[in-house]
N, C-alpha and C. Protein backbone atom coordinates (compact mmCIF):
# COMPACT_ATOMS: atom_id res chain seq x y z
N UNK A 1 98.95 125.54 85.98
CA UNK A 1 98.76 124.49 86.91
C UNK A 1 100.19 124.24 87.60
N UNK A 2 100.19 124.06 88.89
CA UNK A 2 101.48 123.81 89.60
C UNK A 2 102.22 122.61 89.06
N UNK A 3 103.56 122.73 89.08
CA UNK A 3 104.42 121.63 88.59
C UNK A 3 105.12 120.97 89.73
N UNK A 4 105.36 119.69 89.63
CA UNK A 4 105.95 118.84 90.71
C UNK A 4 107.06 117.99 90.14
N UNK A 5 108.06 117.72 91.04
CA UNK A 5 109.02 116.71 90.74
C UNK A 5 108.75 115.52 91.72
N UNK A 6 108.50 114.36 91.13
CA UNK A 6 108.26 113.15 91.92
C UNK A 6 109.51 112.24 91.77
N UNK A 7 110.10 111.90 92.84
CA UNK A 7 111.21 110.95 92.89
C UNK A 7 110.73 109.66 93.59
N UNK A 8 110.84 108.59 92.86
CA UNK A 8 110.31 107.34 93.39
C UNK A 8 111.34 106.23 93.46
N UNK A 9 111.15 105.35 94.43
CA UNK A 9 112.04 104.21 94.59
C UNK A 9 111.11 103.02 94.71
N UNK A 10 111.53 101.99 93.93
CA UNK A 10 110.73 100.65 94.03
C UNK A 10 111.23 99.82 95.24
N UNK A 11 110.25 99.31 95.94
CA UNK A 11 110.59 98.36 96.99
C UNK A 11 110.58 96.99 96.30
N UNK A 12 110.85 95.91 97.00
CA UNK A 12 110.99 94.58 96.43
C UNK A 12 109.87 94.19 95.51
N UNK A 13 108.58 94.28 96.00
CA UNK A 13 107.47 93.95 95.09
C UNK A 13 107.32 94.91 93.94
N UNK A 14 107.74 96.15 94.12
CA UNK A 14 107.69 97.08 92.98
C UNK A 14 108.65 96.73 91.91
N UNK A 15 109.87 96.27 92.27
CA UNK A 15 110.80 95.82 91.30
C UNK A 15 110.23 94.57 90.58
N UNK A 16 109.62 93.62 91.33
CA UNK A 16 109.05 92.51 90.68
C UNK A 16 108.02 92.88 89.64
N UNK A 17 107.13 93.85 90.05
CA UNK A 17 106.11 94.33 89.08
C UNK A 17 106.77 95.01 87.87
N UNK A 18 107.86 95.71 88.00
CA UNK A 18 108.57 96.39 86.92
C UNK A 18 109.13 95.30 86.01
N UNK A 19 109.71 94.23 86.62
CA UNK A 19 110.21 93.13 85.78
C UNK A 19 109.08 92.51 84.94
N UNK A 20 107.83 92.40 85.50
CA UNK A 20 106.78 91.76 84.90
C UNK A 20 106.17 92.60 83.72
N UNK A 21 106.02 93.90 83.98
CA UNK A 21 105.34 94.69 82.96
C UNK A 21 106.21 95.70 82.17
N UNK A 22 107.46 95.85 82.54
CA UNK A 22 108.48 96.66 81.86
C UNK A 22 108.26 98.16 82.04
N UNK A 23 109.25 98.91 81.55
CA UNK A 23 109.23 100.33 81.67
C UNK A 23 108.10 101.04 81.03
N UNK A 24 107.73 100.64 79.80
CA UNK A 24 106.64 101.38 79.15
C UNK A 24 105.30 101.08 79.85
N UNK A 25 105.15 99.86 80.42
CA UNK A 25 103.95 99.62 81.12
C UNK A 25 103.80 100.45 82.33
N UNK A 26 104.93 100.65 83.07
CA UNK A 26 104.86 101.53 84.24
C UNK A 26 104.60 102.98 83.78
N UNK A 27 105.17 103.43 82.74
CA UNK A 27 104.90 104.79 82.26
C UNK A 27 103.46 105.01 81.89
N UNK A 28 102.85 103.98 81.27
CA UNK A 28 101.42 104.09 80.93
C UNK A 28 100.60 104.15 82.24
N UNK A 29 100.94 103.36 83.25
CA UNK A 29 100.19 103.35 84.49
C UNK A 29 100.34 104.68 85.25
N UNK A 30 101.53 105.27 85.17
CA UNK A 30 101.72 106.53 85.83
C UNK A 30 100.96 107.69 85.04
N UNK A 31 100.99 107.64 83.74
CA UNK A 31 100.23 108.58 82.97
C UNK A 31 98.70 108.52 83.35
N UNK A 32 98.16 107.27 83.47
CA UNK A 32 96.80 107.11 83.84
C UNK A 32 96.52 107.62 85.28
N UNK A 33 97.45 107.45 86.19
CA UNK A 33 97.27 107.90 87.57
C UNK A 33 97.15 109.41 87.54
N UNK A 34 98.07 110.12 86.89
CA UNK A 34 98.06 111.52 86.81
C UNK A 34 96.84 112.09 86.10
N UNK A 35 96.43 111.43 85.04
CA UNK A 35 95.23 111.82 84.31
C UNK A 35 94.01 111.68 85.23
N UNK A 36 93.92 110.61 85.99
CA UNK A 36 92.84 110.39 86.84
C UNK A 36 92.69 111.36 87.98
N UNK A 37 93.80 112.12 88.26
CA UNK A 37 93.74 113.11 89.29
C UNK A 37 93.81 114.55 88.71
N UNK A 38 93.49 114.70 87.41
CA UNK A 38 93.42 115.95 86.80
C UNK A 38 94.75 116.59 86.33
N UNK A 39 95.81 115.73 86.23
CA UNK A 39 97.10 116.21 85.88
C UNK A 39 97.66 115.61 84.70
N UNK A 40 98.91 115.93 84.36
CA UNK A 40 99.63 115.35 83.17
C UNK A 40 101.08 115.19 83.47
N UNK A 41 101.67 114.20 82.81
CA UNK A 41 103.13 113.91 83.03
C UNK A 41 103.83 114.61 81.88
N UNK A 42 104.83 115.48 82.25
CA UNK A 42 105.63 116.14 81.31
C UNK A 42 106.85 115.29 80.89
N UNK A 43 107.44 114.71 81.93
CA UNK A 43 108.67 113.89 81.71
C UNK A 43 108.63 112.71 82.66
N UNK A 44 109.20 111.54 82.24
CA UNK A 44 109.26 110.36 82.96
C UNK A 44 110.54 109.65 82.64
N UNK A 45 111.45 109.51 83.67
CA UNK A 45 112.66 108.86 83.39
C UNK A 45 112.99 107.87 84.50
N UNK A 46 113.55 106.71 84.08
CA UNK A 46 114.18 105.77 85.05
C UNK A 46 115.58 106.20 85.21
N UNK A 47 116.19 105.81 86.41
CA UNK A 47 117.57 106.27 86.69
C UNK A 47 118.30 105.29 87.44
N UNK A 48 119.64 105.41 87.36
CA UNK A 48 120.53 104.65 88.27
C UNK A 48 120.79 105.60 89.47
N UNK A 49 121.09 105.04 90.63
CA UNK A 49 121.45 105.87 91.71
C UNK A 49 120.50 105.69 92.92
N UNK A 50 120.35 106.85 93.66
CA UNK A 50 119.49 106.77 94.87
C UNK A 50 117.98 106.69 94.53
N UNK A 51 117.61 107.19 93.42
CA UNK A 51 116.15 107.15 92.98
C UNK A 51 116.07 106.26 91.70
N UNK A 52 114.91 105.62 91.66
CA UNK A 52 114.63 104.76 90.48
C UNK A 52 113.88 105.45 89.37
N UNK A 53 113.05 106.47 89.74
CA UNK A 53 112.24 107.10 88.77
C UNK A 53 112.19 108.61 89.07
N UNK A 54 112.25 109.45 88.05
CA UNK A 54 111.95 110.85 88.13
C UNK A 54 110.85 111.28 87.25
N UNK A 55 109.86 112.00 87.82
CA UNK A 55 108.70 112.42 87.07
C UNK A 55 108.56 113.90 87.23
N UNK A 56 108.38 114.65 86.12
CA UNK A 56 107.94 116.03 86.22
C UNK A 56 106.57 116.09 85.74
N UNK A 57 105.61 116.64 86.55
CA UNK A 57 104.20 116.60 86.14
C UNK A 57 103.50 117.84 86.62
N UNK A 58 102.32 118.04 86.07
CA UNK A 58 101.36 119.06 86.50
C UNK A 58 100.29 118.47 87.25
N UNK A 59 99.89 119.08 88.34
CA UNK A 59 98.64 118.65 89.07
C UNK A 59 97.91 119.90 89.50
N UNK A 60 96.61 119.79 89.75
CA UNK A 60 95.79 120.94 90.01
C UNK A 60 96.21 121.80 91.25
N UNK A 61 96.74 121.05 92.28
CA UNK A 61 97.10 121.82 93.53
C UNK A 61 97.85 120.92 94.50
N UNK A 62 98.30 121.48 95.59
CA UNK A 62 99.16 120.69 96.50
C UNK A 62 98.36 119.56 97.16
N UNK A 63 96.98 119.86 97.39
CA UNK A 63 96.23 118.78 98.05
C UNK A 63 96.13 117.59 97.14
N UNK A 64 96.00 117.75 95.88
CA UNK A 64 96.00 116.66 94.84
C UNK A 64 97.36 115.99 94.78
N UNK A 65 98.42 116.76 94.85
CA UNK A 65 99.74 116.15 94.88
C UNK A 65 99.96 115.30 96.14
N UNK A 66 99.49 115.72 97.26
CA UNK A 66 99.55 114.97 98.49
C UNK A 66 98.69 113.70 98.40
N UNK A 67 97.56 113.84 97.83
CA UNK A 67 96.68 112.69 97.67
C UNK A 67 97.36 111.54 96.83
N UNK A 68 98.00 112.01 95.71
CA UNK A 68 98.70 111.08 94.86
C UNK A 68 99.80 110.40 95.57
N UNK A 69 100.61 111.18 96.28
CA UNK A 69 101.78 110.58 97.04
C UNK A 69 101.23 109.59 98.08
N UNK A 70 100.18 109.96 98.80
CA UNK A 70 99.56 109.05 99.84
C UNK A 70 99.12 107.74 99.18
N UNK A 71 98.39 107.83 98.06
CA UNK A 71 97.91 106.66 97.37
C UNK A 71 99.13 105.72 96.97
N UNK A 72 100.09 106.36 96.33
CA UNK A 72 101.30 105.60 95.85
C UNK A 72 102.02 104.94 97.03
N UNK A 73 102.25 105.72 98.08
CA UNK A 73 103.06 105.15 99.20
C UNK A 73 102.23 104.04 99.91
N UNK A 74 100.88 104.23 100.00
CA UNK A 74 100.05 103.31 100.74
C UNK A 74 100.04 101.91 100.09
N UNK A 75 100.31 101.93 98.73
CA UNK A 75 100.27 100.66 98.03
C UNK A 75 101.42 99.74 98.52
N UNK A 76 102.53 100.37 99.09
CA UNK A 76 103.55 99.51 99.72
C UNK A 76 104.52 98.95 98.82
N UNK A 77 104.57 99.30 97.54
CA UNK A 77 105.56 98.73 96.56
C UNK A 77 106.49 99.87 96.06
N UNK A 78 106.13 101.05 96.35
CA UNK A 78 106.95 102.23 95.86
C UNK A 78 106.95 103.28 96.98
N UNK A 79 108.08 103.99 97.10
CA UNK A 79 108.12 105.10 97.95
C UNK A 79 108.35 106.29 97.12
N UNK A 80 107.55 107.40 97.28
CA UNK A 80 107.77 108.56 96.46
C UNK A 80 107.95 109.80 97.38
N UNK A 81 108.70 110.71 96.85
CA UNK A 81 108.92 112.03 97.48
C UNK A 81 108.54 113.09 96.44
N UNK A 82 107.75 114.08 96.88
CA UNK A 82 107.23 115.12 96.02
C UNK A 82 107.86 116.46 96.34
N UNK A 83 108.31 117.19 95.34
CA UNK A 83 108.85 118.47 95.46
C UNK A 83 108.11 119.44 94.59
N UNK A 84 107.62 120.55 95.20
CA UNK A 84 106.95 121.58 94.42
C UNK A 84 107.98 122.32 93.62
N UNK A 85 107.78 122.52 92.33
CA UNK A 85 108.65 123.22 91.45
C UNK A 85 108.13 124.62 91.26
N UNK A 86 109.01 125.65 91.22
CA UNK A 86 108.66 127.04 91.06
C UNK A 86 109.19 127.58 89.79
N UNK A 87 108.46 128.43 89.10
CA UNK A 87 108.96 129.07 87.94
C UNK A 87 109.89 130.25 88.26
N UNK A 88 110.70 130.76 87.39
CA UNK A 88 111.44 132.00 87.66
C UNK A 88 110.51 133.17 87.95
N UNK A 89 109.35 133.23 87.35
CA UNK A 89 108.43 134.31 87.61
C UNK A 89 107.90 134.18 89.09
N UNK A 90 107.61 132.96 89.59
CA UNK A 90 107.21 132.84 90.98
C UNK A 90 108.32 133.24 91.98
N UNK A 91 109.52 132.99 91.57
CA UNK A 91 110.72 133.41 92.43
C UNK A 91 110.77 134.97 92.39
N UNK A 92 110.57 135.61 91.18
CA UNK A 92 110.52 137.03 91.09
C UNK A 92 109.45 137.60 92.02
N UNK A 93 108.31 136.98 92.11
CA UNK A 93 107.29 137.39 93.02
C UNK A 93 107.68 137.20 94.48
N UNK A 94 108.38 136.06 94.71
CA UNK A 94 108.74 135.72 96.11
C UNK A 94 109.72 136.72 96.66
N UNK A 95 110.71 137.13 95.84
CA UNK A 95 111.72 138.02 96.36
C UNK A 95 111.19 139.44 96.62
N UNK A 96 110.03 139.78 96.16
CA UNK A 96 109.44 141.09 96.52
C UNK A 96 108.72 141.09 97.87
N UNK A 97 108.48 139.87 98.41
CA UNK A 97 107.86 139.78 99.69
C UNK A 97 108.82 139.84 100.78
N UNK A 98 108.53 140.63 101.84
CA UNK A 98 109.45 140.78 102.91
C UNK A 98 108.81 140.35 104.21
N UNK A 99 109.65 140.12 105.19
CA UNK A 99 109.25 139.70 106.52
C UNK A 99 110.36 140.04 107.50
N UNK A 100 110.06 140.03 108.76
CA UNK A 100 111.05 140.19 109.78
C UNK A 100 111.62 138.84 110.23
N UNK A 101 112.85 138.70 110.04
CA UNK A 101 113.49 137.43 110.43
C UNK A 101 114.80 137.76 111.21
N UNK A 102 114.88 137.10 112.35
CA UNK A 102 116.11 137.16 113.16
C UNK A 102 116.81 135.87 113.10
N UNK A 103 118.01 135.87 112.50
CA UNK A 103 118.78 134.65 112.35
C UNK A 103 119.22 134.13 113.81
N UNK A 104 119.41 132.86 113.89
CA UNK A 104 119.80 132.30 115.21
C UNK A 104 121.13 132.99 115.71
N UNK A 105 121.12 133.36 116.93
CA UNK A 105 122.31 133.95 117.49
C UNK A 105 122.50 135.40 117.28
N UNK A 106 121.59 136.08 116.56
CA UNK A 106 121.74 137.49 116.23
C UNK A 106 120.81 138.27 117.14
N UNK A 107 121.23 139.40 117.65
CA UNK A 107 120.37 140.37 118.34
C UNK A 107 120.28 141.52 117.35
N UNK A 108 119.05 141.79 116.91
CA UNK A 108 118.91 142.81 115.93
C UNK A 108 118.00 143.93 116.48
N UNK A 109 118.43 145.21 116.20
CA UNK A 109 117.56 146.31 116.59
C UNK A 109 116.67 146.70 115.42
N UNK A 110 115.78 147.60 115.70
CA UNK A 110 114.81 147.97 114.71
C UNK A 110 115.41 148.72 113.47
N UNK A 111 116.53 149.42 113.72
CA UNK A 111 117.26 150.03 112.61
C UNK A 111 117.80 148.98 111.60
N UNK A 112 118.25 147.91 112.12
CA UNK A 112 118.70 146.79 111.31
C UNK A 112 117.56 146.14 110.56
N UNK A 113 116.41 146.00 111.16
CA UNK A 113 115.22 145.40 110.57
C UNK A 113 114.80 146.30 109.37
N UNK A 114 114.85 147.62 109.57
CA UNK A 114 114.51 148.52 108.43
C UNK A 114 115.46 148.27 107.24
N UNK A 115 116.76 148.07 107.55
CA UNK A 115 117.65 147.77 106.40
C UNK A 115 117.30 146.46 105.71
N UNK A 116 116.86 145.48 106.48
CA UNK A 116 116.42 144.23 105.83
C UNK A 116 115.29 144.41 104.97
N UNK A 117 114.34 145.11 105.41
CA UNK A 117 113.11 145.34 104.65
C UNK A 117 113.38 146.04 103.37
N UNK A 118 114.29 146.99 103.35
CA UNK A 118 114.65 147.69 102.11
C UNK A 118 115.41 146.78 101.14
N UNK A 119 115.95 145.66 101.62
CA UNK A 119 116.77 144.78 100.80
C UNK A 119 116.15 143.39 100.63
N UNK A 120 114.88 143.24 100.83
CA UNK A 120 114.15 142.02 100.55
C UNK A 120 114.15 141.12 101.80
N UNK A 121 114.43 141.52 102.97
CA UNK A 121 114.26 140.74 104.13
C UNK A 121 115.48 139.95 104.56
N UNK A 122 116.64 140.33 104.11
CA UNK A 122 117.88 139.51 104.46
C UNK A 122 118.93 140.54 105.04
N UNK A 123 119.97 139.94 105.62
CA UNK A 123 120.98 140.84 106.17
C UNK A 123 121.80 141.49 105.00
N UNK A 124 122.06 142.72 105.12
CA UNK A 124 122.86 143.44 104.10
C UNK A 124 124.27 142.96 104.24
N UNK A 125 124.93 142.82 103.08
CA UNK A 125 126.33 142.43 103.11
C UNK A 125 127.18 143.41 102.21
N UNK A 126 128.35 143.65 102.62
CA UNK A 126 129.19 144.54 101.76
C UNK A 126 129.81 143.77 100.67
N UNK A 127 130.68 144.39 99.86
CA UNK A 127 131.28 143.72 98.66
C UNK A 127 132.15 142.59 99.02
N UNK A 128 132.66 142.45 100.30
CA UNK A 128 133.51 141.34 100.69
C UNK A 128 132.63 140.20 101.17
N UNK A 129 131.34 140.40 101.29
CA UNK A 129 130.46 139.27 101.81
C UNK A 129 130.27 139.44 103.32
N UNK A 130 130.87 140.41 103.99
CA UNK A 130 130.66 140.54 105.40
C UNK A 130 129.36 141.26 105.67
N UNK A 131 128.69 140.95 106.81
CA UNK A 131 127.51 141.59 107.15
C UNK A 131 127.75 143.03 107.54
N UNK A 132 127.00 144.01 107.00
CA UNK A 132 127.13 145.35 107.41
C UNK A 132 126.54 145.57 108.78
N UNK A 133 127.26 146.49 109.55
CA UNK A 133 126.79 146.77 110.94
C UNK A 133 126.05 148.03 111.00
């Protein structure tokens, strides 16, 4: 099941609700929300800083993750941001996929494109980090 990072911030009424029911009450409510959408919460933390809450959770798919974010944001007491998390194996799969990409400002000939394809779709660089010509 896909894994997501949810970062949430309480608005004024959200903070009032947190003061009323406490941290464990909010954790229980979040667990119930994810369960009702076919998911599970792996980790739930409150934090100091730019975000008030961090959640790592599993959900069936991106549409379900979007539905959850829409529902939470529509309530008007919390704002959440959702990030899709990828496993190392998914990255292994991703790096085997190639495509033709021309970086901004570069004029690339087909010989250069062939070099990119043989190296995973990026510009080849020498040992000093300079782009090979």
